[in-house]
Amino acid sequence: MNDQQLLRYSRQILLPEVGIDGQQEILASRVLVIGMGGLGSPITLYLAASGVGHLTLLDFDEVELSNLQRQIIHNEHSIGTAKTLSAQVQAAKINSEIQINTINQKLDPKALSDIISDHDIIVDGSDNFETRFMVNQLCHDTQKPLVSGAVIRMEGQISTYDFREQNAPCYRCLYAEEGETEDTCSTTGVLSPVAGIVGSIQATEVLKIITGLPTLHGKLLLLDAKYMQFRTMNLKKDPACPVCN
């Protein structure tokens, strides 16, 4: 690292859990962020600020006025532009030294698998079961760590599925593909900062994976923001899971 980088990341380097070696690992890491919405916004901003050296931002939507209540990486001037481009511009304003690539299209499983294989960690900030199930399957197949988050109303959940570990549970251990209700923010609403809380925890999990710190692997963190309560549940492999068994 040069002097400018030592100064930029000094507050992070001061942490004994990170140090210079950990910061160098962060700078060398490659992270794919799926979804540039309420979760992807804080994830991208914090990972860029923390110095993740290579970020790839994946989304195929455009910014709409109704997004601005919670998708804090976008602004009024972004309306009508691709979310990936809007996010890239804002993240680059925070850290111009890192590489930020964008993918502004919906990918089929084969193309997405190739992208996932080219990254160290995958962060899922999508808002639908179809995408979450596909990303989970592909991360399992490629043995890539997956940091998954979801938010609705005043509730959120986060888990890390580290498929490098034997007997790692997966997202399908939590949810059966059939019969899941597809509640979304557009139909049930969401309190703006709740997305920020969940996304920030996801970004924290990414940095902990990179630096070798304990993560939510094997656990599910639940947030009830109405009463500001967190609850952690142990998550074990489902013997009937069609993905990880």
Protein backbone atom coordinates (compact mmCIF):
# COMPACT_ATOMS: atom_id res chain seq x y z
CA MET A 1 0.00 0.00 0.00
CA ASN A 2 1.13 3.55 -0.68
CA ASP A 3 0.97 6.45 1.80
CA GLN A 4 -2.42 7.60 0.53
CA GLN A 5 -3.92 4.17 1.05
CA LEU A 6 -2.40 3.87 4.51
CA LEU A 7 -4.07 7.16 5.42
CA ARG A 8 -7.40 6.35 3.73
CA TYR A 9 -7.79 3.00 5.49
CA SER A 10 -5.98 3.93 8.71
CA ARG A 11 -9.05 3.55 10.96
CA GLN A 12 -9.58 0.06 9.61
CA ILE A 13 -5.90 -0.89 9.77
CA LEU A 14 -5.84 0.13 13.44
CA LEU A 15 -8.15 -2.78 14.22
CA PRO A 16 -6.04 -5.76 15.34
CA GLU A 17 -8.52 -8.02 13.54
CA VAL A 18 -7.69 -6.29 10.25
CA GLY A 19 -4.23 -4.69 10.31
CA ILE A 20 -2.17 -4.11 7.17
CA ASP A 21 -2.37 -7.73 6.07
CA GLY A 22 -6.16 -7.74 6.32
CA GLN A 23 -6.46 -4.48 4.43
CA GLN A 24 -4.28 -5.86 1.67
CA GLU A 25 -6.60 -8.85 1.46
CA ILE A 26 -9.57 -6.47 1.15
CA LEU A 27 -7.82 -4.53 -1.62
CA ALA A 28 -7.13 -7.77 -3.50
CA SER A 29 -10.65 -9.17 -3.18
CA ARG A 30 -13.27 -9.55 -5.90
CA VAL A 31 -16.90 -9.19 -4.82
CA LEU A 32 -20.10 -9.51 -6.87
CA VAL A 33 -23.11 -7.53 -5.60
CA ILE A 34 -26.44 -8.69 -7.03
CA GLY A 35 -29.16 -6.05 -6.92
CA MET A 36 -28.67 -2.29 -6.68
CA GLY A 37 -31.75 -1.62 -4.57
CA GLY A 38 -32.37 -1.05 -0.87
CA LEU A 39 -29.81 -3.66 0.18
CA GLY A 40 -27.33 -3.26 -2.66
CA SER A 41 -27.05 0.47 -1.97
CA PRO A 42 -25.41 0.32 1.49
CA ILE A 43 -23.56 -2.88 0.56
CA THR A 44 -21.90 -1.18 -2.41
CA LEU A 45 -21.16 2.09 -0.62
CA TYR A 46 -19.53 0.42 2.38
CA LEU A 47 -17.55 -2.10 0.35
CA ALA A 48 -16.25 0.68 -1.87
CA ALA A 49 -15.35 2.83 1.14
CA SER A 50 -13.65 -0.14 2.83
CA GLY A 51 -11.41 -0.68 -0.17
CA VAL A 52 -12.70 -3.85 -1.82
CA GLY A 53 -10.45 -3.74 -4.85
CA HIS A 54 -12.79 -5.15 -7.47
CA LEU A 55 -16.56 -4.68 -7.31
CA THR A 56 -19.00 -6.00 -9.90
CA LEU A 57 -22.52 -4.54 -9.73
CA LEU A 58 -25.35 -6.57 -11.29
CA ASP A 59 -28.87 -5.29 -11.98
CA PHE A 60 -31.04 -4.72 -15.03
CA ASP A 61 -33.53 -2.13 -13.73
CA GLU A 62 -33.63 1.63 -14.09
CA VAL A 63 -33.95 4.11 -11.24
CA GLU A 64 -37.52 5.21 -10.46
CA LEU A 65 -38.80 7.92 -8.13
CA SER A 66 -40.25 5.37 -5.71
CA ASN A 67 -36.77 3.83 -5.28
CA LEU A 68 -35.28 6.93 -3.69
CA GLN A 69 -36.99 6.41 -0.31
CA ARG A 70 -34.61 3.54 0.52
CA GLN A 71 -32.11 3.03 -2.31
CA ILE A 72 -29.66 5.60 -1.02
CA ILE A 73 -26.99 5.11 -3.67
CA HIS A 74 -29.30 6.76 -6.23
CA ASN A 75 -30.61 10.33 -6.39
CA GLU A 76 -33.13 12.44 -8.27
CA HIS A 77 -30.70 12.98 -11.14
CA SER A 78 -30.44 9.19 -11.58
CA ILE A 79 -34.11 8.67 -12.42
CA GLY A 80 -34.41 6.89 -15.76
CA THR A 81 -30.80 5.71 -15.83
CA ALA A 82 -29.55 2.18 -15.23
CA LYS A 83 -29.19 1.38 -11.53
CA THR A 84 -25.77 -0.14 -12.12
CA LEU A 85 -24.49 3.03 -13.77
CA SER A 86 -25.97 5.24 -11.05
CA ALA A 87 -24.40 3.04 -8.36
CA GLN A 88 -21.05 2.95 -10.15
CA VAL A 89 -20.90 6.74 -10.32
CA GLN A 90 -21.65 7.18 -6.62
CA ALA A 91 -19.29 4.43 -5.46
CA ALA A 92 -16.50 5.88 -7.61
CA LYS A 93 -17.01 9.26 -5.92
CA ILE A 94 -16.26 7.57 -2.61
CA ASN A 95 -13.26 5.59 -3.86
CA SER A 96 -11.79 6.28 -7.28
CA GLU A 97 -8.91 3.84 -6.77
CA ILE A 98 -10.94 0.63 -6.89
CA GLN A 99 -12.23 -1.10 -10.02
CA ILE A 100 -16.02 -1.06 -10.42
CA ASN A 101 -17.58 -3.06 -13.23
CA THR A 102 -21.27 -3.18 -14.12
CA ILE A 103 -23.55 -5.76 -15.68
CA ASN A 104 -26.81 -4.18 -16.81
CA GLN A 105 -28.73 -7.21 -18.02
CA LYS A 106 -30.58 -10.28 -16.78
CA LEU A 107 -28.28 -13.28 -17.02
CA ASP A 108 -29.16 -16.91 -17.65
CA PRO A 109 -27.80 -19.48 -15.17
CA LYS A 110 -24.77 -20.37 -17.33
CA ALA A 111 -23.68 -16.75 -17.77
CA LEU A 112 -24.28 -15.96 -14.10
CA SER A 113 -22.33 -19.06 -13.05
CA ASP A 114 -19.35 -17.84 -15.10
CA ILE A 115 -19.52 -14.44 -13.40
CA ILE A 116 -19.81 -16.00 -9.94
CA SER A 117 -16.81 -18.25 -10.62
CA ASP A 118 -14.72 -15.15 -11.33
CA HIS A 119 -15.36 -13.62 -7.88
CA ASP A 120 -14.34 -14.44 -4.32
CA ILE A 121 -17.60 -13.59 -2.55
CA ILE A 122 -21.18 -13.15 -3.73
CA VAL A 123 -23.62 -10.76 -2.02
CA ASP A 124 -27.30 -11.25 -2.78
CA GLY A 125 -29.37 -8.10 -2.41
CA SER A 126 -32.14 -9.22 -4.77
CA ASP A 127 -35.83 -8.95 -3.92
CA ASN A 128 -37.35 -12.19 -5.22
CA PHE A 129 -37.19 -15.90 -4.49
CA GLU A 130 -36.42 -16.88 -8.08
CA THR A 131 -33.13 -14.97 -8.06
CA ARG A 132 -32.22 -16.03 -4.53
CA PHE A 133 -32.78 -19.70 -5.33
CA MET A 134 -30.70 -19.48 -8.52
CA VAL A 135 -27.84 -17.60 -6.85
CA ASN A 136 -27.86 -20.07 -3.96
CA GLN A 137 -27.65 -23.03 -6.34
CA LEU A 138 -24.82 -21.51 -8.37
CA CYS A 139 -22.81 -20.50 -5.31
CA HIS A 140 -23.19 -24.02 -3.96
CA ASP A 141 -22.06 -25.50 -7.28
CA THR A 142 -19.02 -23.20 -7.51
CA GLN A 143 -18.24 -23.34 -3.75
CA LYS A 144 -18.34 -19.56 -3.40
CA PRO A 145 -19.32 -17.89 -0.10
CA LEU A 146 -22.76 -16.27 -0.32
CA VAL A 147 -23.96 -13.44 1.91
CA SER A 148 -27.74 -13.30 1.67
CA GLY A 149 -30.13 -10.67 3.00
CA ALA A 150 -33.80 -9.82 2.77
CA VAL A 151 -35.98 -7.02 4.08
CA ILE A 152 -39.72 -6.39 4.15
CA ARG A 153 -41.92 -4.02 6.16
CA MET A 154 -39.91 -3.55 9.41
CA GLU A 155 -38.21 -6.93 9.37
CA GLY A 156 -34.99 -8.31 7.98
CA GLN A 157 -32.87 -11.44 7.87
CA ILE A 158 -29.22 -12.12 7.08
CA SER A 159 -27.12 -15.25 6.75
CA THR A 160 -23.79 -16.30 5.30
CA TYR A 161 -23.61 -19.57 3.43
CA ASP A 162 -19.96 -20.53 3.22
CA PHE A 163 -19.91 -23.30 0.66
CA ARG A 164 -16.17 -23.77 1.14
CA GLU A 165 -17.08 -25.55 4.38
CA GLN A 166 -18.27 -29.12 4.53
CA ASN A 167 -21.89 -29.67 5.59
CA ALA A 168 -22.72 -26.01 4.94
CA PRO A 169 -26.49 -25.31 4.98
CA CYS A 170 -27.93 -23.26 2.14
CA TYR A 171 -30.81 -20.90 1.40
CA ARG A 172 -32.99 -23.79 0.22
CA CYS A 173 -32.65 -25.34 3.67
CA LEU A 174 -34.73 -22.37 4.83
CA TYR A 175 -37.35 -22.19 2.08
CA ALA A 176 -39.03 -24.71 -0.16
CA GLU A 177 -39.26 -23.53 -3.75
CA GLU A 178 -42.94 -24.29 -3.97
CA GLY A 179 -45.56 -22.34 -2.11
CA GLU A 180 -43.55 -19.34 -1.01
CA THR A 181 -45.46 -16.06 -0.97
CA GLU A 182 -43.73 -13.36 -3.00
CA ASP A 183 -44.25 -10.30 -0.80
CA THR A 184 -42.32 -7.30 -2.09
CA CYS A 185 -41.70 -3.76 -0.95
CA SER A 186 -44.05 -2.50 -3.66
CA THR A 187 -46.96 -4.51 -2.22
CA THR A 188 -46.32 -4.50 1.54
CA GLY A 189 -43.96 -1.55 2.07
CA VAL A 190 -40.65 -1.18 3.88
CA LEU A 191 -39.24 1.29 6.40
CA SER A 192 -36.27 2.95 4.74
CA PRO A 193 -33.52 2.55 7.38
CA VAL A 194 -34.30 -1.15 7.87
CA ALA A 195 -32.84 -1.83 4.42
CA GLY A 196 -29.79 0.15 5.49
CA ILE A 197 -29.34 -1.93 8.64
CA VAL A 198 -29.58 -5.24 6.79
CA GLY A 199 -27.35 -4.11 3.92
CA SER A 200 -24.73 -2.78 6.33
CA ILE A 201 -24.65 -6.13 8.14
CA GLN A 202 -24.21 -7.88 4.80
CA ALA A 203 -21.24 -5.63 3.98
CA THR A 204 -19.78 -6.42 7.41
CA GLU A 205 -20.10 -10.14 6.72
CA VAL A 206 -18.20 -9.72 3.44
CA LEU A 207 -15.30 -7.98 5.16
CA LYS A 208 -15.23 -10.66 7.87
CA ILE A 209 -15.05 -13.41 5.27
CA ILE A 210 -12.13 -11.64 3.60
CA THR A 211 -10.22 -11.14 6.85
CA GLY A 212 -11.00 -14.58 8.28
CA LEU A 213 -13.25 -13.45 11.14
CA PRO A 214 -16.27 -15.40 12.45
CA THR A 215 -19.38 -14.94 10.31
CA LEU A 216 -23.05 -15.90 10.35
CA HIS A 217 -22.19 -19.21 8.70
CA GLY A 218 -24.61 -21.76 10.15
CA LYS A 219 -26.76 -19.04 11.69
CA LEU A 220 -29.72 -16.88 10.68
CA LEU A 221 -29.91 -13.35 12.08
CA LEU A 222 -33.44 -11.97 12.34
CA LEU A 223 -34.26 -8.29 12.84
CA ASP A 224 -37.54 -6.93 14.20
CA ALA A 225 -37.02 -3.19 13.77
CA LYS A 226 -40.44 -2.29 15.21
CA TYR A 227 -39.22 -3.32 18.65
CA MET A 228 -35.51 -3.11 17.66
CA GLN A 229 -34.79 -6.70 18.58
CA PHE A 230 -32.27 -9.10 17.04
CA ARG A 231 -32.58 -12.85 17.29
CA THR A 232 -30.06 -15.45 16.12
CA MET A 233 -31.10 -18.96 15.16
CA ASN A 234 -28.86 -21.92 14.42
CA LEU A 235 -29.25 -23.08 10.84
CA LYS A 236 -28.52 -26.69 10.01
CA LYS A 237 -28.47 -28.58 6.77
CA ASP A 238 -31.86 -29.98 5.77
CA PRO A 239 -31.48 -33.68 4.97
CA ALA A 240 -34.21 -33.27 2.35
CA CYS A 241 -32.67 -30.16 0.72
CA PRO A 242 -32.45 -30.67 -3.06
CA VAL A 243 -29.42 -28.36 -3.32
CA CYS A 244 -26.92 -29.12 -0.57
CA ASN A 245 -27.87 -32.77 -0.06
